[in-house]
Amino acid sequence: AGLGWIGKHTLLLSRQRGSYFFLAALLTDQELVYDEPQDADHCGSCTACLDACPTEAFVQPHLLDATRCISYLTIELDGPIPRELRPGIGDWLFGCDVCQDVCPWNRFAPASTEPAFEPRQDATSNPIELVELFDLDDDSFRRRFRHTPLWRAKRRGLLRNAAIVLGNQQSAAAVPTLLRGLNDSESLVRGASAWGLGEIGTEEASAALKERLADEEDACVRKEIEAAMLMIAKRTPA
């Protein structure tokens, strides 16, 4: 349609708007004047998007392994995030736009004037505190996030992500929060919390993992706990 070219990050790029725009379709019975396809590629030798991806999701220019993409891992994936990709999640709780953030063409992207894109002026627009997420049951999660994009990950997915982020931050202050996650009703949350505790690796975390292992019946969660305990043991001086 002549709107732009496909960048090395697999997204449509426009010289005027970068990649920050939505595509839409209009159905009509009228014959229109067709635009010429845009054949030029203006990425040149730039590899900023490929180099910046935290999980190395780009197999090569123009080819994305979506199963390594943080947006997929934190939003669309229903199960546990693969262990080898968790460090790359970093502080990303929900989604990722690194490949767009570093793209030089997005320097030209204008701010939207569409009112619907303005920040919401209600409780859902407040900054999210990771610790507070573990205070939410299904009903309170629904009340806060029902009409927001974060609803897509559901409570179990968002808490899984939060546990991964807390593990990456490796702050001992997060141990009480992850202990709550370790006893959550959702196995997905318990498994991620076990990993987070393993990354922090304090004596309190180790003791909690051992105690939980004695009662845990889910096989996948047991494997997560055992792996976390092994990780702590390897880092503990003899």
Protein backbone atom coordinates (compact mmCIF):
# COMPACT_ATOMS: atom_id res chain seq x y z
CA ALA A 1 0.00 0.00 0.00
CA GLY A 2 3.03 2.29 -0.13
CA LEU A 3 2.93 2.98 3.61
CA GLY A 4 6.59 2.21 4.21
CA TRP A 5 9.09 -0.63 4.32
CA ILE A 6 9.61 -3.60 6.62
CA GLY A 7 12.45 -2.84 9.02
CA LYS A 8 15.01 -5.32 10.27
CA HIS A 9 12.89 -5.63 13.42
CA THR A 10 10.05 -6.99 11.21
CA LEU A 11 7.84 -3.92 11.82
CA LEU A 12 6.53 -1.52 9.21
CA LEU A 13 8.55 1.71 9.12
CA SER A 14 7.54 5.09 7.80
CA ARG A 15 9.96 7.93 7.21
CA GLN A 16 7.41 10.30 8.74
CA ARG A 17 6.12 8.19 11.66
CA GLY A 18 8.76 5.57 12.38
CA SER A 19 7.01 2.41 13.61
CA TYR A 20 4.72 4.05 16.17
CA PHE A 21 1.39 3.77 14.39
CA PHE A 22 -1.49 1.35 14.03
CA LEU A 23 -2.58 -0.30 10.80
CA ALA A 24 -6.26 -0.40 9.92
CA ALA A 25 -8.41 -1.62 7.04
CA LEU A 26 -11.38 0.07 5.42
CA LEU A 27 -13.89 -2.03 3.47
CA THR A 28 -15.63 -0.26 0.61
CA ASP A 29 -17.40 -1.06 -2.64
CA GLN A 30 -15.71 1.90 -4.33
CA GLU A 31 -12.74 1.47 -6.66
CA LEU A 32 -9.84 3.58 -5.40
CA VAL A 33 -6.63 4.79 -6.97
CA TYR A 34 -3.98 2.31 -5.89
CA ASP A 35 -0.77 3.50 -4.28
CA GLU A 36 2.56 2.32 -5.54
CA PRO A 37 4.39 -0.13 -3.25
CA GLN A 38 7.44 1.32 -1.55
CA ASP A 39 10.44 -0.66 -2.71
CA ALA A 40 13.15 1.37 -0.95
CA ASP A 41 14.62 0.09 2.31
CA HIS A 42 15.94 2.92 4.50
CA CYS A 43 17.47 0.82 7.30
CA GLY A 44 20.82 0.79 5.55
CA SER A 45 23.60 -0.77 7.62
CA CYS A 46 21.92 0.04 10.95
CA THR A 47 21.52 -2.92 13.33
CA ALA A 48 20.44 -1.04 16.46
CA CYS A 49 17.26 -3.09 16.90
CA LEU A 50 19.03 -6.40 16.40
CA ASP A 51 21.83 -5.53 18.81
CA ALA A 52 19.58 -4.19 21.58
CA CYS A 53 17.16 -7.12 21.93
CA PRO A 54 17.57 -8.39 25.52
CA THR A 55 16.71 -12.00 24.64
CA GLU A 56 18.41 -12.10 21.22
CA ALA A 57 15.09 -12.84 19.55
CA PHE A 58 16.24 -11.82 16.07
CA VAL A 59 17.63 -14.81 14.21
CA GLN A 60 18.78 -12.50 11.44
CA PRO A 61 17.63 -9.19 9.95
CA HIS A 62 13.91 -9.35 9.12
CA LEU A 63 13.47 -12.68 10.97
CA LEU A 64 12.12 -12.75 14.53
CA ASP A 65 11.89 -15.82 16.74
CA ALA A 66 8.66 -14.75 18.43
CA THR A 67 9.04 -17.38 21.15
CA ARG A 68 12.06 -15.43 22.48
CA CYS A 69 10.40 -12.01 22.29
CA ILE A 70 9.73 -10.43 25.69
CA SER A 71 6.32 -9.20 24.53
CA TYR A 72 5.33 -12.78 23.77
CA LEU A 73 6.88 -14.17 26.94
CA THR A 74 5.21 -11.67 29.28
CA ILE A 75 1.82 -11.34 27.57
CA GLU A 76 0.91 -14.25 25.32
CA LEU A 77 2.72 -17.19 26.93
CA ASP A 78 0.44 -19.13 29.26
CA GLY A 79 3.04 -21.29 30.95
CA PRO A 80 6.40 -20.76 32.63
CA ILE A 81 8.94 -18.52 30.92
CA PRO A 82 11.87 -20.69 29.79
CA ARG A 83 14.57 -20.58 32.45
CA GLU A 84 17.34 -19.55 30.07
CA LEU A 85 15.36 -16.48 28.94
CA ARG A 86 14.43 -15.18 32.38
CA PRO A 87 17.57 -13.08 32.96
CA GLY A 88 16.88 -11.28 29.68
CA ILE A 89 13.44 -10.22 30.95
CA GLY A 90 15.25 -7.74 33.20
CA ASP A 91 12.73 -5.25 34.59
CA TRP A 92 10.12 -5.78 31.88
CA LEU A 93 6.85 -6.59 33.65
CA PHE A 94 4.58 -6.48 30.61
CA GLY A 95 5.70 -6.22 27.01
CA CYS A 96 8.84 -4.72 25.50
CA ASP A 97 9.55 -2.03 22.92
CA VAL A 98 13.35 -2.00 22.97
CA CYS A 99 13.63 -2.63 19.24
CA GLN A 100 11.39 0.38 18.60
CA ASP A 101 12.95 2.56 21.30
CA VAL A 102 16.40 2.33 19.70
CA CYS A 103 15.23 2.71 16.09
CA PRO A 104 16.58 6.01 14.67
CA TRP A 105 13.46 6.48 12.58
CA ASN A 106 11.33 6.81 15.71
CA ARG A 107 13.02 10.12 16.45
CA PHE A 108 10.60 11.52 13.90
CA ALA A 109 7.46 9.90 15.31
CA PRO A 110 5.01 12.65 16.33
CA ALA A 111 3.06 12.44 19.57
CA SER A 112 -0.52 11.34 19.03
CA THR A 113 -3.34 13.87 19.40
CA GLU A 114 -5.92 11.09 19.78
CA PRO A 115 -7.65 11.54 23.19
CA ALA A 116 -8.01 7.76 23.60
CA PHE A 117 -4.23 7.47 23.83
CA GLU A 118 -3.94 9.90 26.72
CA PRO A 119 -2.97 8.44 30.13
CA ARG A 120 -5.97 7.34 32.16
CA GLN A 121 -6.79 9.53 35.13
CA ASP A 122 -7.91 6.86 37.54
CA ALA A 123 -6.49 4.22 39.88
CA THR A 124 -5.25 2.07 37.00
CA SER A 125 -2.91 4.84 35.84
CA ASN A 126 -0.90 4.83 39.08
CA PRO A 127 2.60 3.35 38.89
CA ILE A 128 2.56 -0.39 39.51
CA GLU A 129 4.38 -1.56 42.62
CA LEU A 130 5.48 -5.17 42.18
CA VAL A 131 4.98 -5.95 45.86
CA GLU A 132 1.37 -4.76 45.76
CA LEU A 133 0.52 -7.12 42.91
CA PHE A 134 0.86 -10.06 45.29
CA ASP A 135 -1.88 -8.55 47.47
CA LEU A 136 -4.42 -8.91 44.67
CA ASP A 137 -6.82 -11.82 44.55
CA ASP A 138 -8.79 -12.55 41.39
CA ASP A 139 -11.57 -10.09 42.23
CA SER A 140 -9.27 -7.19 43.11
CA PHE A 141 -7.13 -7.88 40.05
CA ARG A 142 -10.25 -7.76 37.90
CA ARG A 143 -11.37 -4.48 39.41
CA ARG A 144 -8.02 -2.79 38.79
CA PHE A 145 -7.06 -4.17 35.39
CA ARG A 146 -10.28 -5.37 33.71
CA HIS A 147 -10.32 -2.61 31.08
CA THR A 148 -6.58 -2.28 30.58
CA PRO A 149 -4.08 -4.14 28.38
CA LEU A 150 -2.65 -5.85 31.47
CA TRP A 151 -5.84 -7.88 31.75
CA ARG A 152 -4.61 -9.96 28.82
CA ALA A 153 -1.89 -11.59 30.94
CA LYS A 154 -4.40 -12.40 33.71
CA ARG A 155 -3.43 -12.36 37.36
CA ARG A 156 -1.30 -15.49 37.20
CA GLY A 157 0.68 -14.23 34.20
CA LEU A 158 1.32 -10.79 35.67
CA LEU A 159 2.43 -12.23 39.02
CA ARG A 160 4.67 -14.70 37.19
CA ASN A 161 6.27 -11.75 35.43
CA ALA A 162 6.59 -9.80 38.68
CA ALA A 163 8.35 -12.73 40.35
CA ILE A 164 10.83 -12.93 37.45
CA VAL A 165 11.53 -9.20 37.67
CA LEU A 166 12.04 -9.39 41.45
CA GLY A 167 14.42 -12.29 40.94
CA ASN A 168 16.39 -10.29 38.38
CA GLN A 169 16.62 -7.35 40.77
CA GLN A 170 18.08 -9.70 43.43
CA SER A 171 17.02 -7.54 46.34
CA ALA A 172 16.70 -9.27 49.71
CA ALA A 173 13.83 -6.89 50.47
CA ALA A 174 11.72 -8.81 47.94
CA VAL A 175 11.98 -12.11 49.81
CA PRO A 176 8.78 -11.65 51.90
CA THR A 177 6.85 -10.87 48.73
CA LEU A 178 8.20 -13.91 46.91
CA LEU A 179 7.41 -16.06 49.94
CA ARG A 180 3.78 -15.09 49.44
CA GLY A 181 4.08 -16.00 45.79
CA LEU A 182 5.65 -19.33 46.73
CA ASN A 183 2.40 -20.19 48.54
CA ASP A 184 0.03 -18.77 45.92
CA SER A 185 -2.91 -20.85 44.71
CA GLU A 186 -1.56 -20.69 41.12
CA SER A 187 1.24 -23.12 40.32
CA LEU A 188 2.55 -20.71 37.67
CA VAL A 189 3.11 -18.07 40.35
CA ARG A 190 4.66 -20.54 42.78
CA GLY A 191 7.16 -21.75 40.20
CA ALA A 192 8.25 -18.26 39.18
CA SER A 193 8.51 -17.21 42.82
CA ALA A 194 10.74 -20.20 43.52
CA TRP A 195 13.07 -19.08 40.73
CA GLY A 196 13.08 -15.53 42.08
CA LEU A 197 14.01 -16.75 45.56
CA GLY A 198 16.78 -18.84 44.07
CA GLU A 199 18.21 -15.78 42.34
CA ILE A 200 18.18 -13.79 45.58
CA GLY A 201 19.60 -16.71 47.52
CA THR A 202 19.41 -15.56 51.14
CA GLU A 203 19.19 -17.99 54.05
CA GLU A 204 15.54 -17.04 54.48
CA ALA A 205 14.86 -17.82 50.83
CA SER A 206 16.65 -21.16 51.08
CA ALA A 207 14.74 -22.19 54.19
CA ALA A 208 11.40 -21.24 52.61
CA LEU A 209 12.14 -23.25 49.48
CA LYS A 210 13.01 -26.31 51.55
CA GLU A 211 9.83 -25.96 53.58
CA ARG A 212 7.67 -25.52 50.50
CA LEU A 213 9.22 -28.52 48.77
CA ALA A 214 7.97 -30.76 51.55
CA ASP A 215 4.35 -29.79 50.80
CA GLU A 216 4.41 -29.04 47.06
CA GLU A 217 2.47 -31.54 44.94
CA ASP A 218 2.82 -29.97 41.48
CA ALA A 219 5.66 -31.70 39.62
CA CYS A 220 6.66 -28.61 37.63
CA VAL A 221 6.80 -26.44 40.72
CA ARG A 222 8.85 -29.07 42.53
CA LYS A 223 11.40 -28.96 39.71
CA GLU A 224 11.54 -25.17 39.99
CA ILE A 225 12.11 -25.38 43.75
CA GLU A 226 14.79 -28.03 43.38
CA ALA A 227 16.57 -26.01 40.69
CA ALA A 228 16.42 -22.89 42.87
CA MET A 229 17.83 -24.74 45.86
CA LEU A 230 20.63 -26.14 43.72
CA MET A 231 21.43 -22.65 42.46
CA ILE A 232 21.69 -21.35 46.02
CA ALA A 233 23.86 -24.29 47.04
CA LYS A 234 26.28 -23.64 44.18
CA ARG A 235 26.70 -20.03 45.25
CA THR A 236 27.07 -20.79 48.96
CA PRO A 237 30.67 -21.09 50.13
CA ALA A 238 31.54 -24.53 51.51
